[in-house]
Amino acid sequence: MTAEEVRKRIEVLSEPSYQQFSARLIPNVKAERIRGVRLPHLRKLAKEIVKGDWRAYLEEKSEVEQTFEETMLRGLVIGYAKMEWKERHRWICDFLPQIDNWSVCDSFCSTLKPAKHEKEKMWTFVKQCMQYKHLDVQGLMCVGPLDADRDRIEECFERMNILFHKLQSEYGSEQIRYLSMGMSDDYPIALKHGSNMIRLGTVIFGKRNYSI
């Protein structure tokens, strides 16, 4: 699938009312860059791309400024595609400069499922990011397992708390300030384990529609 074909699919999936909603949620992204495509649709499209020649898709460079959805989609493809860590590391480093908002950051990171099998390499990569001149790492973020019981969620948050303090011990608490854990369903557990930044989208906006 080419970049132009993807752009046409995005236009078909766009919703004007959702575009306005998204633009309010991501104020640092120019409204004209947002087409208004829901994340489940983008995930479905990313999985479709991964079934084909996803490398050709990632290698293709467009002279047209990418829309918010194109940037998001690129990150999702990097997360879903099956590859060895060495190649994934290259694509991640290539993608990092394109992350300019919380939405792409959250969705990209949560899609990097292979990271759980490469824990030491990922930790080395986190420390590598600390050396990038134009990348200001200020903490860690964790999304608790959505289909787990309380004990499993507590385990994840406790492990993240340990990593947070480990990073603080190396780079200082003034640099490593934020431990972002906890959403509407599990934020009390996150606060118990040291979170100082929680995300309460469902509490504010209501439950999402996952049926699409």
Protein backbone atom coordinates (compact mmCIF):
# COMPACT_ATOMS: atom_id res chain seq x y z
CA MET A 1 0.00 0.00 0.00
CA THR A 2 1.48 3.35 -1.04
CA ALA A 3 1.39 6.60 0.90
CA GLU A 4 -1.08 8.02 -1.62
CA GLU A 5 -3.38 5.01 -1.23
CA VAL A 6 -3.22 5.39 2.54
CA ARG A 7 -4.05 9.08 2.24
CA LYS A 8 -7.16 8.25 0.21
CA ARG A 9 -8.26 5.66 2.77
CA ILE A 10 -7.86 8.21 5.54
CA GLU A 11 -10.04 10.69 3.67
CA VAL A 12 -12.78 8.05 3.32
CA LEU A 13 -12.64 7.24 7.04
CA SER A 14 -12.63 10.87 8.19
CA GLU A 15 -15.49 12.32 10.24
CA PRO A 16 -15.89 16.13 10.39
CA SER A 17 -17.42 16.07 13.89
CA TYR A 18 -14.64 13.83 15.20
CA GLN A 19 -12.06 16.09 13.56
CA GLN A 20 -13.33 19.01 15.62
CA PHE A 21 -13.30 16.90 18.78
CA SER A 22 -9.73 15.69 18.15
CA ALA A 23 -8.49 19.19 17.38
CA ARG A 24 -9.65 20.34 20.81
CA LEU A 25 -7.88 17.44 22.50
CA ILE A 26 -4.58 18.01 20.68
CA PRO A 27 -4.24 21.81 20.58
CA ASN A 28 -0.54 21.79 19.63
CA VAL A 29 -1.33 20.05 16.32
CA LYS A 30 -2.62 22.32 13.55
CA ALA A 31 -6.32 21.62 13.03
CA GLU A 32 -5.86 21.40 9.26
CA ARG A 33 -3.51 18.43 9.76
CA ILE A 34 -6.23 16.45 11.55
CA ARG A 35 -8.71 14.52 9.40
CA GLY A 36 -10.81 13.04 12.20
CA VAL A 37 -10.26 9.26 11.92
CA ARG A 38 -10.96 7.18 15.00
CA LEU A 39 -8.08 5.17 16.46
CA PRO A 40 -9.76 1.74 16.00
CA HIS A 41 -10.00 2.46 12.28
CA LEU A 42 -6.33 3.43 12.14
CA ARG A 43 -5.32 0.28 14.02
CA LYS A 44 -7.31 -1.83 11.57
CA LEU A 45 -5.65 -0.08 8.63
CA ALA A 46 -2.18 -0.53 10.18
CA LYS A 47 -2.76 -4.28 10.54
CA GLU A 48 -3.82 -4.38 6.90
CA ILE A 49 -0.60 -2.64 5.86
CA VAL A 50 1.48 -5.04 7.97
CA LYS A 51 0.05 -8.00 6.04
CA GLY A 52 1.61 -6.58 2.86
CA ASP A 53 4.96 -4.97 2.05
CA TRP A 54 5.12 -2.79 5.15
CA ARG A 55 8.81 -2.07 4.66
CA ALA A 56 8.12 -0.41 1.31
CA TYR A 57 5.40 1.65 3.01
CA LEU A 58 7.78 2.83 5.74
CA GLU A 59 10.60 3.51 3.28
CA GLU A 60 8.43 5.70 1.05
CA LYS A 61 9.05 9.38 1.66
CA SER A 62 6.23 11.77 0.82
CA GLU A 63 6.89 15.38 -0.11
CA VAL A 64 3.41 16.26 1.14
CA GLU A 65 3.17 17.23 4.81
CA GLN A 66 1.84 14.27 6.75
CA THR A 67 -1.53 14.49 8.41
CA PHE A 68 -1.88 13.63 12.08
CA GLU A 69 -3.42 10.30 11.05
CA GLU A 70 -0.54 9.44 8.69
CA THR A 71 1.94 10.02 11.49
CA MET A 72 -0.12 7.92 13.88
CA LEU A 73 -0.44 5.16 11.31
CA ARG A 74 3.30 5.03 10.73
CA GLY A 75 3.90 4.51 14.43
CA LEU A 76 1.26 1.76 14.60
CA VAL A 77 2.85 -0.08 11.65
CA ILE A 78 6.26 0.03 13.35
CA GLY A 79 4.68 -1.43 16.47
CA TYR A 80 2.64 -4.19 14.78
CA ALA A 81 5.13 -5.41 12.15
CA LYS A 82 7.14 -8.53 12.97
CA MET A 83 10.88 -7.85 12.93
CA GLU A 84 14.05 -8.32 14.95
CA TRP A 85 14.98 -5.71 17.55
CA LYS A 86 17.87 -4.31 15.48
CA GLU A 87 15.50 -3.34 12.67
CA ARG A 88 12.76 -2.14 14.99
CA HIS A 89 15.27 0.04 16.83
CA ARG A 90 16.17 1.69 13.51
CA TRP A 91 12.53 2.41 12.68
CA ILE A 92 11.83 3.73 16.19
CA CYS A 93 14.77 6.13 16.00
CA ASP A 94 13.58 7.27 12.57
CA PHE A 95 10.07 7.87 13.94
CA LEU A 96 10.92 9.68 17.19
CA PRO A 97 11.35 13.17 15.62
CA GLN A 98 7.80 12.90 14.23
CA ILE A 99 6.20 12.51 17.66
CA ASP A 100 4.95 15.98 18.54
CA ASN A 101 1.85 15.28 20.63
CA TRP A 102 0.62 13.12 23.50
CA SER A 103 -1.82 11.12 21.35
CA VAL A 104 0.77 9.72 18.94
CA CYS A 105 3.16 9.13 21.83
CA ASP A 106 0.61 7.13 23.87
CA SER A 107 -0.65 5.02 20.96
CA PHE A 108 2.82 4.34 19.56
CA CYS A 109 4.25 3.23 22.89
CA SER A 110 1.27 1.05 23.78
CA THR A 111 1.53 -0.71 20.42
CA LEU A 112 5.18 -1.73 20.93
CA LYS A 113 4.17 -5.10 22.39
CA PRO A 114 7.42 -6.83 21.30
CA ALA A 115 9.18 -4.63 23.85
CA LYS A 116 8.13 -7.03 26.64
CA HIS A 117 10.39 -9.70 25.10
CA GLU A 118 13.37 -7.34 24.81
CA LYS A 119 13.40 -5.76 28.27
CA GLU A 120 17.16 -5.27 28.59
CA LYS A 121 17.45 -3.85 25.08
CA MET A 122 14.55 -1.51 25.72
CA TRP A 123 16.13 -0.29 28.96
CA THR A 124 19.39 0.36 27.10
CA PHE A 125 17.35 2.27 24.51
CA VAL A 126 15.73 4.42 27.22
CA LYS A 127 19.18 5.40 28.47
CA GLN A 128 20.26 6.04 24.88
CA CYS A 129 17.35 8.47 24.53
CA MET A 130 18.72 10.44 27.47
CA GLN A 131 21.70 11.35 25.29
CA TYR A 132 19.69 12.80 22.40
CA LYS A 133 20.25 16.56 22.24
CA HIS A 134 16.71 17.44 21.16
CA LEU A 135 14.85 14.78 23.18
CA ASP A 136 13.94 15.84 26.70
CA VAL A 137 13.16 12.68 28.68
CA GLN A 138 11.43 13.71 31.91
CA GLY A 139 10.02 10.43 33.20
CA LEU A 140 8.29 7.14 32.49
CA MET A 141 4.73 6.23 31.50
CA CYS A 142 2.92 2.96 32.00
CA VAL A 143 -0.51 1.69 30.94
CA GLY A 144 -1.62 -1.12 33.23
CA PRO A 145 -2.89 -4.35 31.63
CA LEU A 146 -6.52 -3.77 30.75
CA ASP A 147 -7.64 -7.39 31.13
CA ALA A 148 -5.78 -8.27 34.34
CA ASP A 149 -6.81 -8.57 37.97
CA ARG A 150 -5.75 -6.15 40.69
CA ASP A 151 -2.67 -8.18 41.70
CA ARG A 152 -1.28 -8.14 38.15
CA ILE A 153 -1.90 -4.41 37.81
CA GLU A 154 -0.17 -3.78 41.14
CA GLU A 155 2.80 -5.83 40.00
CA CYS A 156 3.17 -3.78 36.82
CA PHE A 157 2.91 -0.45 38.64
CA GLU A 158 5.38 -1.53 41.31
CA ARG A 159 7.92 -2.63 38.69
CA MET A 160 7.54 0.72 36.92
CA ASN A 161 8.06 2.54 40.22
CA ILE A 162 11.33 0.65 40.69
CA LEU A 163 12.50 1.58 37.18
CA PHE A 164 11.50 5.21 37.78
CA HIS A 165 13.65 5.46 40.90
CA LYS A 166 16.47 3.62 39.16
CA LEU A 167 16.44 6.23 36.41
CA GLN A 168 16.23 9.02 38.99
CA SER A 169 19.29 7.66 40.79
CA GLU A 170 21.30 7.92 37.56
CA TYR A 171 20.02 11.22 36.15
CA GLY A 172 18.60 13.06 39.17
CA SER A 173 15.09 13.90 40.32
CA GLU A 174 15.16 17.32 38.65
CA GLN A 175 15.50 15.65 35.23
CA ILE A 176 13.36 12.54 35.87
CA ARG A 177 10.25 14.10 37.42
CA TYR A 178 7.20 12.25 36.16
CA LEU A 179 5.86 8.77 36.73
CA SER A 180 2.70 8.65 34.65
CA MET A 181 0.54 5.66 35.58
CA GLY A 182 -3.16 5.14 36.14
CA MET A 183 -6.31 5.72 34.13
CA SER A 184 -9.97 5.95 35.08
CA ASP A 185 -10.28 2.31 36.22
CA ASP A 186 -6.99 1.86 38.06
CA TYR A 187 -5.68 5.27 39.13
CA PRO A 188 -6.11 4.54 42.90
CA ILE A 189 -3.69 1.61 42.51
CA ALA A 190 -1.28 3.77 40.52
CA LEU A 191 -1.29 6.50 43.17
CA LYS A 192 -0.49 3.86 45.78
CA HIS A 193 2.62 2.95 43.80
CA GLY A 194 3.97 6.45 43.33
CA SER A 195 2.27 7.83 40.23
CA ASN A 196 2.37 11.62 40.05
CA MET A 197 0.48 11.94 36.76
CA ILE A 198 -2.81 10.17 36.05
CA ARG A 199 -5.04 10.14 32.95
CA LEU A 200 -8.80 10.28 33.48
CA GLY A 201 -10.29 10.36 29.99
CA THR A 202 -13.23 8.01 30.57
CA VAL A 203 -14.19 9.78 33.81
CA ILE A 204 -14.37 13.07 31.90
CA PHE A 205 -15.60 12.07 28.44
CA GLY A 206 -17.41 8.78 29.07
CA LYS A 207 -16.72 5.29 27.76
CA ARG A 208 -15.35 4.85 24.24
CA ASN A 209 -17.24 3.08 21.50
CA TYR A 210 -15.16 0.01 20.59
CA SER A 211 -17.83 -1.49 18.34
CA ILE A 212 -16.58 0.26 15.17
